[in-house]
Amino acid sequence: MKILAFAEQRDNKLKKSAFEIVRTARTIADQTGGDVIALVIGDHVQAVAGELGGYGATKILIVQQPELGKYSVTAYAKLLPRRQRENRQIFFFFPQQQWAGILRRVLL
């Protein structure tokens, strides 16, 4: 099983929850023989995304565009179907309630 862990950032810095989510996803992946894929969305986030490997991310996907610098349910949700097709059999792991809006847009 692949676990897609959303690593939240603000102002090009990973939030504490990003590390907690990746670490928790790693624990689940270890129990199921899976992989952890961290997804970092924003602008100028490549420099900080590498930190997630130290918390258990097997792979780090970076989506970097100027218009993604500020959180937007609509913009972020448009990215997920493409990522889901690229990584089959994925369990989504969201850090906060706001991500529920993204998941609703993707699944409905």
N, C-alpha and C. Protein backbone atom coordinates (compact mmCIF):
# COMPACT_ATOMS: atom_id res chain seq x y z
N MET A 1 0.84 -1.17 0.00
CA MET A 1 0.00 0.00 0.00
C MET A 1 0.89 1.24 0.00
N LYS A 2 0.46 2.23 -0.74
CA LYS A 2 1.15 3.52 -0.74
C LYS A 2 0.32 4.50 0.06
N ILE A 3 0.99 5.27 0.88
CA ILE A 3 0.32 6.28 1.69
C ILE A 3 0.77 7.65 1.22
N LEU A 4 -0.17 8.46 0.79
CA LEU A 4 0.13 9.81 0.34
C LEU A 4 -0.09 10.75 1.53
N ALA A 5 0.98 11.30 2.05
CA ALA A 5 0.93 12.18 3.21
C ALA A 5 1.09 13.63 2.76
N PHE A 6 0.11 14.44 3.05
CA PHE A 6 0.16 15.84 2.66
C PHE A 6 0.95 16.63 3.68
N ALA A 7 2.04 17.22 3.24
CA ALA A 7 2.92 17.99 4.12
C ALA A 7 2.57 19.47 3.97
N GLU A 8 1.90 19.98 4.95
CA GLU A 8 1.43 21.35 4.90
C GLU A 8 2.57 22.34 5.17
N GLN A 9 2.56 23.45 4.45
CA GLN A 9 3.56 24.49 4.65
C GLN A 9 2.88 25.85 4.66
N ARG A 10 3.53 26.77 5.29
CA ARG A 10 3.11 28.17 5.27
C ARG A 10 4.37 29.01 5.12
N ASP A 11 4.31 29.97 4.23
CA ASP A 11 5.45 30.87 3.99
C ASP A 11 6.73 30.09 3.71
N ASN A 12 6.61 29.02 2.93
CA ASN A 12 7.74 28.20 2.49
C ASN A 12 8.47 27.51 3.65
N LYS A 13 7.76 27.25 4.71
CA LYS A 13 8.30 26.51 5.85
C LYS A 13 7.31 25.40 6.18
N LEU A 14 7.82 24.18 6.35
CA LEU A 14 6.94 23.07 6.70
C LEU A 14 6.39 23.28 8.10
N LYS A 15 5.10 23.01 8.25
CA LYS A 15 4.48 23.11 9.56
C LYS A 15 4.84 21.88 10.39
N LYS A 16 4.75 22.01 11.69
CA LYS A 16 5.03 20.89 12.59
C LYS A 16 4.17 19.69 12.23
N SER A 17 2.93 19.95 11.83
CA SER A 17 2.02 18.86 11.47
C SER A 17 2.53 18.05 10.27
N ALA A 18 3.31 18.68 9.39
CA ALA A 18 3.85 17.96 8.23
C ALA A 18 4.76 16.82 8.69
N PHE A 19 5.60 17.11 9.65
CA PHE A 19 6.51 16.08 10.16
C PHE A 19 5.75 15.00 10.92
N GLU A 20 4.73 15.41 11.68
CA GLU A 20 3.92 14.44 12.44
C GLU A 20 3.17 13.51 11.51
N ILE A 21 2.61 14.07 10.43
CA ILE A 21 1.86 13.27 9.47
C ILE A 21 2.76 12.26 8.78
N VAL A 22 3.92 12.69 8.33
CA VAL A 22 4.84 11.79 7.64
C VAL A 22 5.33 10.69 8.59
N ARG A 23 5.64 11.06 9.82
CA ARG A 23 6.11 10.08 10.80
C ARG A 23 5.01 9.04 11.11
N THR A 24 3.77 9.50 11.26
CA THR A 24 2.65 8.59 11.51
C THR A 24 2.40 7.71 10.30
N ALA A 25 2.46 8.28 9.11
CA ALA A 25 2.29 7.49 7.89
C ALA A 25 3.39 6.42 7.79
N ARG A 26 4.61 6.78 8.20
CA ARG A 26 5.72 5.82 8.18
C ARG A 26 5.44 4.65 9.12
N THR A 27 4.87 4.93 10.28
CA THR A 27 4.52 3.87 11.23
C THR A 27 3.52 2.90 10.61
N ILE A 28 2.50 3.45 9.97
CA ILE A 28 1.49 2.61 9.31
C ILE A 28 2.13 1.83 8.16
N ALA A 29 2.95 2.48 7.37
CA ALA A 29 3.61 1.82 6.24
C ALA A 29 4.51 0.68 6.71
N ASP A 30 5.18 0.86 7.82
CA ASP A 30 6.04 -0.21 8.36
C ASP A 30 5.21 -1.42 8.76
N GLN A 31 4.01 -1.19 9.25
CA GLN A 31 3.14 -2.29 9.67
C GLN A 31 2.49 -3.00 8.49
N THR A 32 2.36 -2.31 7.36
CA THR A 32 1.68 -2.88 6.20
C THR A 32 2.62 -3.20 5.04
N GLY A 33 3.89 -2.89 5.21
CA GLY A 33 4.84 -3.11 4.13
C GLY A 33 4.69 -2.10 3.01
N GLY A 34 4.21 -0.91 3.33
CA GLY A 34 3.96 0.10 2.31
C GLY A 34 5.03 1.15 2.19
N ASP A 35 4.74 2.13 1.37
CA ASP A 35 5.63 3.26 1.13
C ASP A 35 4.93 4.55 1.52
N VAL A 36 5.70 5.52 1.92
CA VAL A 36 5.17 6.84 2.25
C VAL A 36 5.60 7.83 1.18
N ILE A 37 4.61 8.46 0.56
CA ILE A 37 4.86 9.49 -0.44
C ILE A 37 4.40 10.81 0.15
N ALA A 38 5.33 11.72 0.39
CA ALA A 38 4.98 13.04 0.92
C ALA A 38 4.71 13.97 -0.25
N LEU A 39 3.63 14.73 -0.15
CA LEU A 39 3.28 15.69 -1.18
C LEU A 39 3.36 17.09 -0.59
N VAL A 40 4.21 17.92 -1.18
CA VAL A 40 4.38 19.29 -0.74
C VAL A 40 3.93 20.20 -1.87
N ILE A 41 2.97 21.06 -1.57
CA ILE A 41 2.41 21.97 -2.56
C ILE A 41 2.69 23.40 -2.14
N GLY A 42 3.14 24.22 -3.07
CA GLY A 42 3.37 25.63 -2.76
C GLY A 42 4.26 26.29 -3.79
N ASP A 43 4.90 27.34 -3.36
CA ASP A 43 5.83 28.07 -4.20
C ASP A 43 7.14 28.19 -3.43
N HIS A 44 8.23 27.85 -4.06
CA HIS A 44 9.55 27.87 -3.41
C HIS A 44 9.63 26.90 -2.23
N VAL A 45 9.12 25.69 -2.40
CA VAL A 45 9.12 24.72 -1.30
C VAL A 45 10.16 23.61 -1.48
N GLN A 46 10.81 23.56 -2.60
CA GLN A 46 11.77 22.49 -2.86
C GLN A 46 12.88 22.44 -1.80
N ALA A 47 13.33 23.57 -1.36
CA ALA A 47 14.43 23.61 -0.40
C ALA A 47 14.07 22.98 0.94
N VAL A 48 12.82 23.07 1.35
CA VAL A 48 12.43 22.52 2.66
C VAL A 48 11.86 21.11 2.56
N ALA A 49 11.42 20.71 1.37
CA ALA A 49 10.76 19.41 1.21
C ALA A 49 11.67 18.23 1.54
N GLY A 50 12.95 18.37 1.29
CA GLY A 50 13.89 17.28 1.54
C GLY A 50 13.95 16.84 2.99
N GLU A 51 13.57 17.71 3.91
CA GLU A 51 13.57 17.37 5.33
C GLU A 51 12.67 16.18 5.64
N LEU A 52 11.65 15.96 4.83
CA LEU A 52 10.66 14.92 5.10
C LEU A 52 11.23 13.52 4.98
N GLY A 53 12.31 13.35 4.23
CA GLY A 53 12.97 12.05 4.13
C GLY A 53 13.45 11.56 5.48
N GLY A 54 13.89 12.46 6.33
CA GLY A 54 14.35 12.11 7.65
C GLY A 54 13.23 11.69 8.59
N TYR A 55 11.99 11.91 8.17
CA TYR A 55 10.84 11.54 8.99
C TYR A 55 10.12 10.31 8.43
N GLY A 56 10.67 9.74 7.37
CA GLY A 56 10.14 8.48 6.87
C GLY A 56 9.54 8.50 5.48
N ALA A 57 9.58 9.61 4.78
CA ALA A 57 9.05 9.65 3.42
C ALA A 57 9.96 8.85 2.49
N THR A 58 9.39 7.90 1.77
CA THR A 58 10.13 7.11 0.80
C THR A 58 10.37 7.93 -0.47
N LYS A 59 9.37 8.75 -0.80
CA LYS A 59 9.42 9.58 -2.01
C LYS A 59 8.77 10.92 -1.65
N ILE A 60 9.27 11.97 -2.25
CA ILE A 60 8.70 13.30 -2.01
C ILE A 60 8.28 13.89 -3.35
N LEU A 61 6.99 14.20 -3.46
CA LEU A 61 6.46 14.85 -4.65
C LEU A 61 6.33 16.33 -4.35
N ILE A 62 6.87 17.14 -5.23
CA ILE A 62 6.82 18.59 -5.04
C ILE A 62 6.06 19.20 -6.20
N VAL A 63 5.04 19.98 -5.87
CA VAL A 63 4.31 20.73 -6.88
C VAL A 63 4.54 22.19 -6.53
N GLN A 64 5.28 22.86 -7.40
CA GLN A 64 5.74 24.20 -7.12
C GLN A 64 5.31 25.14 -8.23
N GLN A 65 4.44 26.08 -7.89
CA GLN A 65 3.98 27.09 -8.84
C GLN A 65 3.66 28.36 -8.07
N PRO A 66 3.90 29.53 -8.64
CA PRO A 66 3.62 30.78 -7.93
C PRO A 66 2.18 30.87 -7.42
N GLU A 67 1.22 30.40 -8.22
CA GLU A 67 -0.19 30.51 -7.81
C GLU A 67 -0.55 29.55 -6.67
N LEU A 68 0.35 28.65 -6.33
CA LEU A 68 0.09 27.72 -5.23
C LEU A 68 0.73 28.19 -3.92
N GLY A 69 1.30 29.38 -3.93
CA GLY A 69 1.94 29.92 -2.74
C GLY A 69 0.97 30.12 -1.59
N LYS A 70 -0.26 30.46 -1.89
CA LYS A 70 -1.30 30.63 -0.87
C LYS A 70 -2.26 29.45 -0.96
N TYR A 71 -2.72 28.99 0.19
CA TYR A 71 -3.63 27.84 0.26
C TYR A 71 -4.90 28.12 -0.52
N SER A 72 -5.31 27.18 -1.35
CA SER A 72 -6.55 27.28 -2.12
C SER A 72 -7.12 25.87 -2.31
N VAL A 73 -8.32 25.64 -1.76
CA VAL A 73 -8.95 24.33 -1.88
C VAL A 73 -9.08 23.95 -3.35
N THR A 74 -9.54 24.87 -4.17
CA THR A 74 -9.77 24.58 -5.58
C THR A 74 -8.46 24.23 -6.30
N ALA A 75 -7.45 25.04 -6.12
CA ALA A 75 -6.16 24.80 -6.80
C ALA A 75 -5.52 23.50 -6.34
N TYR A 76 -5.54 23.24 -5.03
CA TYR A 76 -4.93 22.02 -4.50
C TYR A 76 -5.71 20.79 -4.96
N ALA A 77 -7.04 20.88 -4.95
CA ALA A 77 -7.87 19.73 -5.32
C ALA A 77 -7.65 19.33 -6.78
N LYS A 78 -7.38 20.27 -7.65
CA LYS A 78 -7.15 19.95 -9.06
C LYS A 78 -5.90 19.09 -9.25
N LEU A 79 -4.97 19.16 -8.32
CA LEU A 79 -3.73 18.40 -8.43
C LEU A 79 -3.91 16.93 -8.05
N LEU A 80 -4.83 16.63 -7.15
CA LEU A 80 -4.93 15.29 -6.60
C LEU A 80 -5.33 14.20 -7.57
N PRO A 81 -6.31 14.41 -8.43
CA PRO A 81 -6.65 13.31 -9.34
C PRO A 81 -5.46 12.85 -10.18
N ARG A 82 -4.64 13.79 -10.63
CA ARG A 82 -3.47 13.44 -11.42
C ARG A 82 -2.49 12.62 -10.56
N ARG A 83 -2.27 13.04 -9.33
CA ARG A 83 -1.36 12.32 -8.44
C ARG A 83 -1.92 10.94 -8.10
N GLN A 84 -3.23 10.84 -7.97
CA GLN A 84 -3.83 9.55 -7.64
C GLN A 84 -3.64 8.57 -8.80
N ARG A 85 -3.78 9.03 -10.02
CA ARG A 85 -3.59 8.14 -11.17
C ARG A 85 -2.14 7.68 -11.27
N GLU A 86 -1.21 8.54 -10.92
CA GLU A 86 0.20 8.19 -11.00
C GLU A 86 0.61 7.20 -9.92
N ASN A 87 -0.08 7.18 -8.81
CA ASN A 87 0.27 6.34 -7.66
C ASN A 87 -0.95 5.54 -7.24
N ARG A 88 -1.17 4.42 -7.85
CA ARG A 88 -2.35 3.60 -7.58
C ARG A 88 -2.31 3.00 -6.16
N GLN A 89 -3.49 2.61 -5.67
CA GLN A 89 -3.66 2.01 -4.35
C GLN A 89 -3.12 2.92 -3.25
N ILE A 90 -3.65 4.10 -3.21
CA ILE A 90 -3.17 5.09 -2.25
C ILE A 90 -4.18 5.29 -1.14
N PHE A 91 -3.67 5.40 0.05
CA PHE A 91 -4.42 5.81 1.22
C PHE A 91 -4.04 7.26 1.47
N PHE A 92 -5.03 8.14 1.48
CA PHE A 92 -4.76 9.56 1.70
C PHE A 92 -4.64 9.84 3.19
N PHE A 93 -3.67 10.61 3.58
CA PHE A 93 -3.44 10.95 4.97
C PHE A 93 -3.37 12.47 5.08
N PHE A 94 -4.38 13.06 5.71
CA PHE A 94 -4.50 14.51 5.78
C PHE A 94 -4.15 15.04 7.16
N PRO A 95 -3.45 16.16 7.24
CA PRO A 95 -3.03 16.69 8.53
C PRO A 95 -4.09 17.46 9.30
N GLN A 96 -5.02 18.11 8.62
CA GLN A 96 -5.98 18.96 9.32
C GLN A 96 -7.33 18.93 8.65
N GLN A 97 -8.28 19.49 9.35
CA GLN A 97 -9.66 19.52 8.87
C GLN A 97 -9.79 20.20 7.51
N GLN A 98 -8.98 21.24 7.24
CA GLN A 98 -9.12 21.98 5.99
C GLN A 98 -8.89 21.09 4.77
N TRP A 99 -8.10 20.03 4.93
CA TRP A 99 -7.84 19.13 3.82
C TRP A 99 -9.06 18.30 3.47
N ALA A 100 -10.01 18.19 4.40
CA ALA A 100 -11.24 17.44 4.12
C ALA A 100 -11.98 18.07 2.94
N GLY A 101 -11.91 19.39 2.82
CA GLY A 101 -12.54 20.07 1.69
C GLY A 101 -11.91 19.66 0.37
N ILE A 102 -10.62 19.47 0.38
CA ILE A 102 -9.92 19.02 -0.83
C ILE A 102 -10.36 17.61 -1.19
N LEU A 103 -10.37 16.74 -0.21
CA LEU A 103 -10.75 15.35 -0.47
C LEU A 103 -12.18 15.25 -0.97
N ARG A 104 -13.09 16.04 -0.41
CA ARG A 104 -14.48 16.02 -0.88
C ARG A 104 -14.55 16.40 -2.36
N ARG A 105 -13.78 17.40 -2.76
CA ARG A 105 -13.80 17.83 -4.16
C ARG A 105 -13.22 16.76 -5.10
N VAL A 106 -12.27 16.02 -4.62
CA VAL A 106 -11.63 14.99 -5.44
C VAL A 106 -12.53 13.77 -5.59
N LEU A 107 -13.17 13.35 -4.50
CA LEU A 107 -13.95 12.12 -4.51
C LEU A 107 -15.38 12.28 -4.97
N LEU A 108 -15.93 13.47 -4.92
CA LEU A 108 -17.32 13.66 -5.31
C LEU A 108 -17.47 14.08 -6.73
